[in-house]
Amino acid sequence: MTIDYSYILLLIELTENMIDEVNRAGLEIYAGEQIIIDKPENILRIAGLINETYEYTKNDENFKRK
């Protein structure tokens, strides 16, 4: 029997502090920095990371070709 979970993949590279935050929230990180979200309400446990990713995406400089 296979159990499928949803996951999110943030646009930013996770630092050790961010990984610690995910672990403190009781969530797991799978290969490729995918954060497993087994219940929809668990996304609220990492609201700080979601906000940080949002702030990253608002800065056009982060998406310019180098």
C-alpha atoms as a PDB file:
ATOM      1  CA  MET A   1       0.000   0.000   0.000  1.00  0.00           C
ATOM      2  CA  THR A   2       1.372   3.389  -1.005  1.00  0.00           C
ATOM      3  CA  ILE A   3       0.548   6.560   0.890  1.00  0.00           C
ATOM      4  CA  ASP A   4       0.847   9.729  -1.145  1.00  0.00           C
ATOM      5  CA  TYR A   5       1.682  12.954   0.616  1.00  0.00           C
ATOM      6  CA  SER A   6       1.675  16.473  -0.656  1.00  0.00           C
ATOM      7  CA  TYR A   7       4.813  18.508  -0.412  1.00  0.00           C
ATOM      8  CA  ILE A   8       6.091  21.979  -1.109  1.00  0.00           C
ATOM      9  CA  LEU A   9       9.353  23.000  -2.668  1.00  0.00           C
ATOM     10  CA  LEU A  10      10.456  26.522  -1.794  1.00  0.00           C
ATOM     11  CA  LEU A  11      12.317  28.726  -4.270  1.00  0.00           C
ATOM     12  CA  ILE A  12      15.047  29.438  -1.762  1.00  0.00           C
ATOM     13  CA  GLU A  13      17.834  27.184  -0.604  1.00  0.00           C
ATOM     14  CA  LEU A  14      17.161  25.960   2.912  1.00  0.00           C
ATOM     15  CA  THR A  15      19.760  26.946   5.476  1.00  0.00           C
ATOM     16  CA  GLU A  16      20.488  24.922   8.603  1.00  0.00           C
ATOM     17  CA  ASN A  17      18.300  27.330  10.609  1.00  0.00           C
ATOM     18  CA  MET A  18      15.422  26.814   8.183  1.00  0.00           C
ATOM     19  CA  ILE A  19      15.821  23.045   8.358  1.00  0.00           C
ATOM     20  CA  ASP A  20      15.753  23.301  12.153  1.00  0.00           C
ATOM     21  CA  GLU A  21      12.538  25.339  11.902  1.00  0.00           C
ATOM     22  CA  VAL A  22      10.929  22.637   9.754  1.00  0.00           C
ATOM     23  CA  ASN A  23      12.004  19.945  12.211  1.00  0.00           C
ATOM     24  CA  ARG A  24      10.707  21.953  15.197  1.00  0.00           C
ATOM     25  CA  ALA A  25       7.380  22.231  13.378  1.00  0.00           C
ATOM     26  CA  GLY A  26       7.212  18.440  13.361  1.00  0.00           C
ATOM     27  CA  LEU A  27       7.509  18.203   9.583  1.00  0.00           C
ATOM     28  CA  GLU A  28       9.924  16.185   7.484  1.00  0.00           C
ATOM     29  CA  ILE A  29      12.181  17.115   4.597  1.00  0.00           C
ATOM     30  CA  TYR A  30      12.428  14.641   1.757  1.00  0.00           C
ATOM     31  CA  ALA A  31      15.030  14.454  -1.015  1.00  0.00           C
ATOM     32  CA  GLY A  32      15.590  17.698  -2.860  1.00  0.00           C
ATOM     33  CA  GLU A  33      14.450  19.849   0.071  1.00  0.00           C
ATOM     34  CA  GLN A  34      10.788  18.917  -0.387  1.00  0.00           C
ATOM     35  CA  ILE A  35       8.835  19.631   2.790  1.00  0.00           C
ATOM     36  CA  ILE A  36       6.187  16.964   3.311  1.00  0.00           C
ATOM     37  CA  ILE A  37       2.759  18.347   4.162  1.00  0.00           C
ATOM     38  CA  ASP A  38       0.623  15.418   5.301  1.00  0.00           C
ATOM     39  CA  LYS A  39      -2.354  17.597   6.305  1.00  0.00           C
ATOM     40  CA  PRO A  40      -3.239  20.943   4.697  1.00  0.00           C
ATOM     41  CA  GLU A  41      -3.239  22.780   8.029  1.00  0.00           C
ATOM     42  CA  ASN A  42       0.417  21.827   8.586  1.00  0.00           C
ATOM     43  CA  ILE A  43       1.468  24.481   6.080  1.00  0.00           C
ATOM     44  CA  LEU A  44       0.743  27.005   8.845  1.00  0.00           C
ATOM     45  CA  ARG A  45       3.575  25.513  10.911  1.00  0.00           C
ATOM     46  CA  ILE A  46       6.120  26.984   8.512  1.00  0.00           C
ATOM     47  CA  ALA A  47       4.487  30.344   7.855  1.00  0.00           C
ATOM     48  CA  GLY A  48       7.835  32.085   8.431  1.00  0.00           C
ATOM     49  CA  LEU A  49       9.464  30.148   5.598  1.00  0.00           C
ATOM     50  CA  ILE A  50       6.514  30.790   3.298  1.00  0.00           C
ATOM     51  CA  ASN A  51       6.779  34.524   4.027  1.00  0.00           C
ATOM     52  CA  GLU A  52      10.547  34.503   3.464  1.00  0.00           C
ATOM     53  CA  THR A  53      10.044  32.799   0.096  1.00  0.00           C
ATOM     54  CA  TYR A  54       7.388  35.353  -0.828  1.00  0.00           C
ATOM     55  CA  GLU A  55       9.752  38.210   0.002  1.00  0.00           C
ATOM     56  CA  TYR A  56      12.431  36.559  -2.155  1.00  0.00           C
ATOM     57  CA  THR A  57      10.068  36.364  -5.132  1.00  0.00           C
ATOM     58  CA  LYS A  58       9.142  40.059  -4.849  1.00  0.00           C
ATOM     59  CA  ASN A  59      12.723  41.080  -5.608  1.00  0.00           C
ATOM     60  CA  ASP A  60      13.264  41.089  -9.388  1.00  0.00           C
ATOM     61  CA  GLU A  61      17.038  41.056  -8.847  1.00  0.00           C
ATOM     62  CA  ASN A  62      16.755  37.434  -7.731  1.00  0.00           C
ATOM     63  CA  PHE A  63      15.555  36.418 -11.201  1.00  0.00           C
ATOM     64  CA  LYS A  64      17.966  38.288 -13.470  1.00  0.00           C
ATOM     65  CA  ARG A  65      20.313  36.249 -15.589  1.00  0.00           C
ATOM     66  CA  LYS A  66      23.892  36.445 -14.492  1.00  0.00           C
END
